[in-house]
Amino acid sequence: MAQRIRKDDTVKIISGAHKGTTGKVLAVNPKDGTALVEGVGLGHRHVKPNQLNPRGGKKDIHKPVNLSKLALVVDEKSGKTSRVGYVVNDGAKTRVARQLKNKEIN
């Protein structure tokens, strides 16, 4: 299956506790079907003291969001989202936004 959401895309959360939140994709894990979205799913991890961090403490981490909960934002001003499709032109496969009459996506 082609990967529809990529790193550095702007996405909107369409379901769950963070519904309506937009953010930039930091990383995508296609094997698990998850993505890390900036500012969404922040958690803390307790870190033991070590030589680099002698006091230890808490470290902020991003928790993954399922790709099925994400929609690609195609118009950042209005926050309009779209499904993603693919079109093959002259052997080159390009991503297109379905809601905007097949407008090519970066």
N, C-alpha and C. Protein backbone atom coordinates (compact mmCIF):
# COMPACT_ATOMS: atom_id res chain seq x y z
N MET A 1 0.85 -1.18 0.00
CA MET A 1 0.00 0.00 0.00
C MET A 1 0.89 1.24 0.00
N ALA A 2 0.56 2.20 -0.82
CA ALA A 2 1.33 3.44 -0.90
C ALA A 2 1.14 4.25 0.37
N GLN A 3 2.20 4.90 0.79
CA GLN A 3 2.15 5.70 2.00
C GLN A 3 1.58 7.08 1.68
N ARG A 4 0.45 7.42 2.26
CA ARG A 4 -0.25 8.64 1.92
C ARG A 4 0.19 9.84 2.76
N ILE A 5 0.61 9.61 3.97
CA ILE A 5 1.09 10.68 4.85
C ILE A 5 2.61 10.55 4.94
N ARG A 6 3.30 11.66 4.76
CA ARG A 6 4.76 11.65 4.79
C ARG A 6 5.29 12.63 5.82
N LYS A 7 6.58 12.52 6.10
CA LYS A 7 7.25 13.44 7.01
C LYS A 7 7.14 14.86 6.47
N ASP A 8 6.97 15.84 7.35
CA ASP A 8 6.86 17.27 7.05
C ASP A 8 5.51 17.67 6.45
N ASP A 9 4.56 16.74 6.33
CA ASP A 9 3.20 17.10 5.92
C ASP A 9 2.49 17.77 7.10
N THR A 10 1.55 18.65 6.80
CA THR A 10 0.68 19.21 7.83
C THR A 10 -0.59 18.39 7.85
N VAL A 11 -0.94 17.89 9.03
CA VAL A 11 -2.10 17.01 9.15
C VAL A 11 -3.05 17.53 10.23
N LYS A 12 -4.28 17.05 10.16
CA LYS A 12 -5.29 17.39 11.15
C LYS A 12 -5.78 16.08 11.76
N ILE A 13 -5.95 16.09 13.09
CA ILE A 13 -6.47 14.91 13.79
C ILE A 13 -7.98 14.92 13.61
N ILE A 14 -8.54 13.81 13.10
CA ILE A 14 -9.97 13.78 12.79
C ILE A 14 -10.79 12.98 13.80
N SER A 15 -10.13 12.30 14.75
CA SER A 15 -10.87 11.58 15.78
C SER A 15 -9.99 11.41 17.01
N GLY A 16 -10.63 11.14 18.13
CA GLY A 16 -9.91 10.90 19.37
C GLY A 16 -9.86 12.12 20.26
N ALA A 17 -9.04 12.04 21.28
CA ALA A 17 -8.96 13.09 22.29
C ALA A 17 -8.43 14.42 21.74
N HIS A 18 -7.60 14.36 20.72
CA HIS A 18 -6.99 15.56 20.14
C HIS A 18 -7.68 16.01 18.86
N LYS A 19 -8.95 15.64 18.68
CA LYS A 19 -9.69 15.94 17.46
C LYS A 19 -9.67 17.43 17.15
N GLY A 20 -9.38 17.78 15.88
CA GLY A 20 -9.35 19.17 15.44
C GLY A 20 -7.98 19.82 15.52
N THR A 21 -7.02 19.16 16.14
CA THR A 21 -5.67 19.71 16.28
C THR A 21 -4.89 19.51 14.99
N THR A 22 -4.16 20.53 14.58
CA THR A 22 -3.30 20.40 13.41
C THR A 22 -1.84 20.44 13.85
N GLY A 23 -1.00 19.78 13.10
CA GLY A 23 0.42 19.76 13.42
C GLY A 23 1.22 19.19 12.28
N LYS A 24 2.53 19.31 12.40
CA LYS A 24 3.45 18.82 11.38
C LYS A 24 3.89 17.40 11.74
N VAL A 25 3.99 16.54 10.74
CA VAL A 25 4.41 15.16 10.96
C VAL A 25 5.93 15.14 11.15
N LEU A 26 6.37 14.60 12.28
CA LEU A 26 7.80 14.53 12.58
C LEU A 26 8.43 13.24 12.04
N ALA A 27 7.66 12.15 12.09
CA ALA A 27 8.15 10.87 11.59
C ALA A 27 6.96 9.97 11.32
N VAL A 28 7.14 9.03 10.38
CA VAL A 28 6.09 8.07 10.04
C VAL A 28 6.66 6.67 10.17
N ASN A 29 5.90 5.78 10.78
CA ASN A 29 6.29 4.38 10.91
C ASN A 29 5.28 3.53 10.14
N PRO A 30 5.52 3.26 8.86
CA PRO A 30 4.55 2.54 8.05
C PRO A 30 4.31 1.10 8.51
N LYS A 31 5.29 0.50 9.15
CA LYS A 31 5.13 -0.87 9.63
C LYS A 31 4.04 -0.97 10.69
N ASP A 32 4.00 0.02 11.59
CA ASP A 32 2.98 0.06 12.64
C ASP A 32 1.75 0.85 12.23
N GLY A 33 1.84 1.62 11.13
CA GLY A 33 0.73 2.45 10.70
C GLY A 33 0.51 3.63 11.61
N THR A 34 1.61 4.22 12.11
CA THR A 34 1.53 5.35 13.04
C THR A 34 2.43 6.49 12.58
N ALA A 35 2.18 7.66 13.17
CA ALA A 35 3.01 8.83 12.88
C ALA A 35 3.17 9.64 14.16
N LEU A 36 4.28 10.36 14.24
CA LEU A 36 4.51 11.29 15.34
C LEU A 36 4.14 12.69 14.85
N VAL A 37 3.20 13.33 15.54
CA VAL A 37 2.72 14.64 15.14
C VAL A 37 3.16 15.66 16.18
N GLU A 38 3.70 16.77 15.71
CA GLU A 38 4.22 17.82 16.58
C GLU A 38 3.12 18.38 17.48
N GLY A 39 3.37 18.35 18.79
CA GLY A 39 2.43 18.91 19.75
C GLY A 39 1.26 18.01 20.11
N VAL A 40 1.19 16.81 19.55
CA VAL A 40 0.09 15.89 19.83
C VAL A 40 0.65 14.63 20.47
N GLY A 41 0.02 14.17 21.52
CA GLY A 41 0.45 12.93 22.17
C GLY A 41 1.73 13.08 22.95
N LEU A 42 1.95 14.26 23.54
CA LEU A 42 3.16 14.45 24.34
C LEU A 42 3.06 13.67 25.64
N GLY A 43 4.15 13.04 26.02
CA GLY A 43 4.20 12.31 27.27
C GLY A 43 5.54 12.54 27.94
N HIS A 44 5.71 11.95 29.09
CA HIS A 44 6.96 12.10 29.82
C HIS A 44 7.58 10.73 30.04
N ARG A 45 8.87 10.69 30.01
CA ARG A 45 9.60 9.47 30.34
C ARG A 45 10.58 9.84 31.45
N HIS A 46 10.60 9.03 32.48
CA HIS A 46 11.53 9.26 33.58
C HIS A 46 12.89 8.70 33.20
N VAL A 47 13.93 9.52 33.40
CA VAL A 47 15.28 9.17 32.98
C VAL A 47 16.15 8.99 34.21
N LYS A 48 16.86 7.86 34.26
CA LYS A 48 17.78 7.62 35.36
C LYS A 48 18.98 8.55 35.25
N PRO A 49 19.59 8.91 36.36
CA PRO A 49 20.81 9.71 36.30
C PRO A 49 21.92 8.96 35.56
N ASN A 50 22.67 9.71 34.74
CA ASN A 50 23.82 9.15 34.04
C ASN A 50 24.87 10.24 33.91
N GLN A 51 25.96 9.97 33.21
CA GLN A 51 27.04 10.95 33.14
C GLN A 51 26.61 12.20 32.38
N LEU A 52 25.81 12.05 31.34
CA LEU A 52 25.36 13.21 30.59
C LEU A 52 24.31 14.01 31.35
N ASN A 53 23.49 13.33 32.12
CA ASN A 53 22.42 13.97 32.88
C ASN A 53 22.51 13.48 34.32
N PRO A 54 23.40 14.08 35.14
CA PRO A 54 23.66 13.55 36.49
C PRO A 54 22.45 13.60 37.43
N ARG A 55 21.51 14.51 37.19
CA ARG A 55 20.35 14.63 38.08
C ARG A 55 19.20 13.73 37.65
N GLY A 56 19.22 13.24 36.41
CA GLY A 56 18.09 12.45 35.93
C GLY A 56 16.91 13.38 35.68
N GLY A 57 15.69 12.89 35.85
CA GLY A 57 14.51 13.73 35.71
C GLY A 57 13.54 13.21 34.67
N LYS A 58 12.76 14.13 34.09
CA LYS A 58 11.75 13.77 33.10
C LYS A 58 12.18 14.25 31.72
N LYS A 59 11.82 13.46 30.71
CA LYS A 59 12.12 13.79 29.32
C LYS A 59 10.80 13.78 28.56
N ASP A 60 10.53 14.81 27.76
CA ASP A 60 9.32 14.86 26.96
C ASP A 60 9.49 13.98 25.73
N ILE A 61 8.48 13.16 25.46
CA ILE A 61 8.50 12.29 24.28
C ILE A 61 7.18 12.44 23.53
N HIS A 62 7.20 12.10 22.25
CA HIS A 62 5.98 12.09 21.43
C HIS A 62 5.46 10.67 21.37
N LYS A 63 4.15 10.51 21.56
CA LYS A 63 3.53 9.21 21.43
C LYS A 63 2.89 9.13 20.05
N PRO A 64 2.97 7.98 19.39
CA PRO A 64 2.48 7.88 18.01
C PRO A 64 0.96 7.96 17.91
N VAL A 65 0.48 8.48 16.77
CA VAL A 65 -0.93 8.57 16.44
C VAL A 65 -1.18 7.67 15.24
N ASN A 66 -2.28 6.93 15.27
CA ASN A 66 -2.60 6.03 14.16
C ASN A 66 -2.86 6.83 12.89
N LEU A 67 -2.37 6.34 11.75
CA LEU A 67 -2.55 7.04 10.48
C LEU A 67 -4.01 7.19 10.08
N SER A 68 -4.87 6.30 10.57
CA SER A 68 -6.28 6.39 10.24
C SER A 68 -6.95 7.59 10.89
N LYS A 69 -6.32 8.17 11.89
CA LYS A 69 -6.87 9.34 12.57
C LYS A 69 -6.37 10.65 11.97
N LEU A 70 -5.57 10.60 10.91
CA LEU A 70 -4.96 11.79 10.33
C LEU A 70 -5.55 12.09 8.96
N ALA A 71 -5.75 13.38 8.69
CA ALA A 71 -6.17 13.83 7.36
C ALA A 71 -5.18 14.90 6.91
N LEU A 72 -4.80 14.86 5.65
CA LEU A 72 -3.84 15.80 5.10
C LEU A 72 -4.48 17.17 4.93
N VAL A 73 -3.82 18.23 5.44
CA VAL A 73 -4.31 19.59 5.28
C VAL A 73 -3.76 20.14 3.96
N VAL A 74 -4.66 20.53 3.05
CA VAL A 74 -4.23 21.02 1.75
C VAL A 74 -4.30 22.54 1.66
N ASP A 75 -5.12 23.18 2.49
CA ASP A 75 -5.22 24.64 2.52
C ASP A 75 -5.01 25.08 3.96
N GLU A 76 -3.81 25.59 4.25
CA GLU A 76 -3.46 25.90 5.64
C GLU A 76 -4.24 27.08 6.22
N LYS A 77 -4.65 28.04 5.39
CA LYS A 77 -5.41 29.19 5.90
C LYS A 77 -6.77 28.77 6.42
N SER A 78 -7.50 27.98 5.63
CA SER A 78 -8.84 27.57 6.03
C SER A 78 -8.83 26.25 6.81
N GLY A 79 -7.73 25.50 6.77
CA GLY A 79 -7.65 24.23 7.46
C GLY A 79 -8.37 23.11 6.72
N LYS A 80 -8.62 23.29 5.43
CA LYS A 80 -9.35 22.30 4.63
C LYS A 80 -8.50 21.04 4.44
N THR A 81 -9.12 19.88 4.64
CA THR A 81 -8.40 18.62 4.51
C THR A 81 -8.86 17.88 3.26
N SER A 82 -8.09 16.87 2.89
CA SER A 82 -8.41 16.10 1.70
C SER A 82 -7.89 14.69 1.85
N ARG A 83 -8.53 13.77 1.14
CA ARG A 83 -7.98 12.43 1.00
C ARG A 83 -6.86 12.50 -0.04
N VAL A 84 -6.00 11.50 -0.02
CA VAL A 84 -4.84 11.50 -0.91
C VAL A 84 -4.97 10.35 -1.89
N GLY A 85 -4.71 10.65 -3.16
CA GLY A 85 -4.70 9.62 -4.19
C GLY A 85 -3.40 9.70 -4.96
N TYR A 86 -3.25 8.79 -5.90
CA TYR A 86 -2.05 8.75 -6.73
C TYR A 86 -2.44 8.71 -8.19
N VAL A 87 -1.66 9.40 -9.02
CA VAL A 87 -1.86 9.41 -10.46
C VAL A 87 -0.50 9.12 -11.10
N VAL A 88 -0.51 8.26 -12.11
CA VAL A 88 0.73 7.92 -12.82
C VAL A 88 0.73 8.68 -14.13
N ASN A 89 1.69 9.58 -14.29
CA ASN A 89 1.87 10.35 -15.52
C ASN A 89 3.25 10.08 -16.09
N ASP A 90 3.32 9.52 -17.27
CA ASP A 90 4.59 9.23 -17.93
C ASP A 90 5.52 8.40 -17.05
N GLY A 91 4.96 7.46 -16.31
CA GLY A 91 5.76 6.59 -15.47
C GLY A 91 6.11 7.17 -14.12
N ALA A 92 5.75 8.45 -13.87
CA ALA A 92 6.04 9.07 -12.58
C ALA A 92 4.77 9.06 -11.73
N LYS A 93 4.89 8.56 -10.52
CA LYS A 93 3.75 8.47 -9.62
C LYS A 93 3.72 9.72 -8.74
N THR A 94 2.61 10.47 -8.76
CA THR A 94 2.52 11.70 -7.97
C THR A 94 1.30 11.63 -7.05
N ARG A 95 1.45 12.24 -5.86
CA ARG A 95 0.33 12.33 -4.93
C ARG A 95 -0.59 13.47 -5.36
N VAL A 96 -1.90 13.25 -5.25
CA VAL A 96 -2.86 14.29 -5.59
C VAL A 96 -3.92 14.37 -4.49
N ALA A 97 -4.47 15.59 -4.31
CA ALA A 97 -5.54 15.81 -3.35
C ALA A 97 -6.86 15.52 -4.03
N ARG A 98 -7.64 14.62 -3.50
CA ARG A 98 -8.90 14.21 -4.12
C ARG A 98 -9.97 15.30 -4.03
N GLN A 99 -10.04 16.05 -2.93
CA GLN A 99 -11.09 17.05 -2.75
C GLN A 99 -10.87 18.30 -3.60
N LEU A 100 -9.68 18.50 -4.07
CA LEU A 100 -9.38 19.71 -4.87
C LEU A 100 -9.18 19.36 -6.34
N LYS A 101 -10.01 18.47 -6.85
CA LYS A 101 -9.97 18.12 -8.28
C LYS A 101 -8.57 17.69 -8.73
N ASN A 102 -7.98 16.79 -7.98
CA ASN A 102 -6.68 16.21 -8.31
C ASN A 102 -5.55 17.23 -8.38
N LYS A 103 -5.54 18.18 -7.46
CA LYS A 103 -4.43 19.13 -7.37
C LYS A 103 -3.20 18.39 -6.85
N GLU A 104 -2.07 18.59 -7.52
CA GLU A 104 -0.85 17.89 -7.16
C GLU A 104 -0.34 18.37 -5.80
N ILE A 105 0.09 17.42 -4.98
CA ILE A 105 0.64 17.71 -3.67
C ILE A 105 2.15 17.59 -3.76
N ASN A 106 2.84 18.43 -3.08
CA ASN A 106 4.30 18.47 -3.05
C ASN A 106 4.95 17.13 -3.12
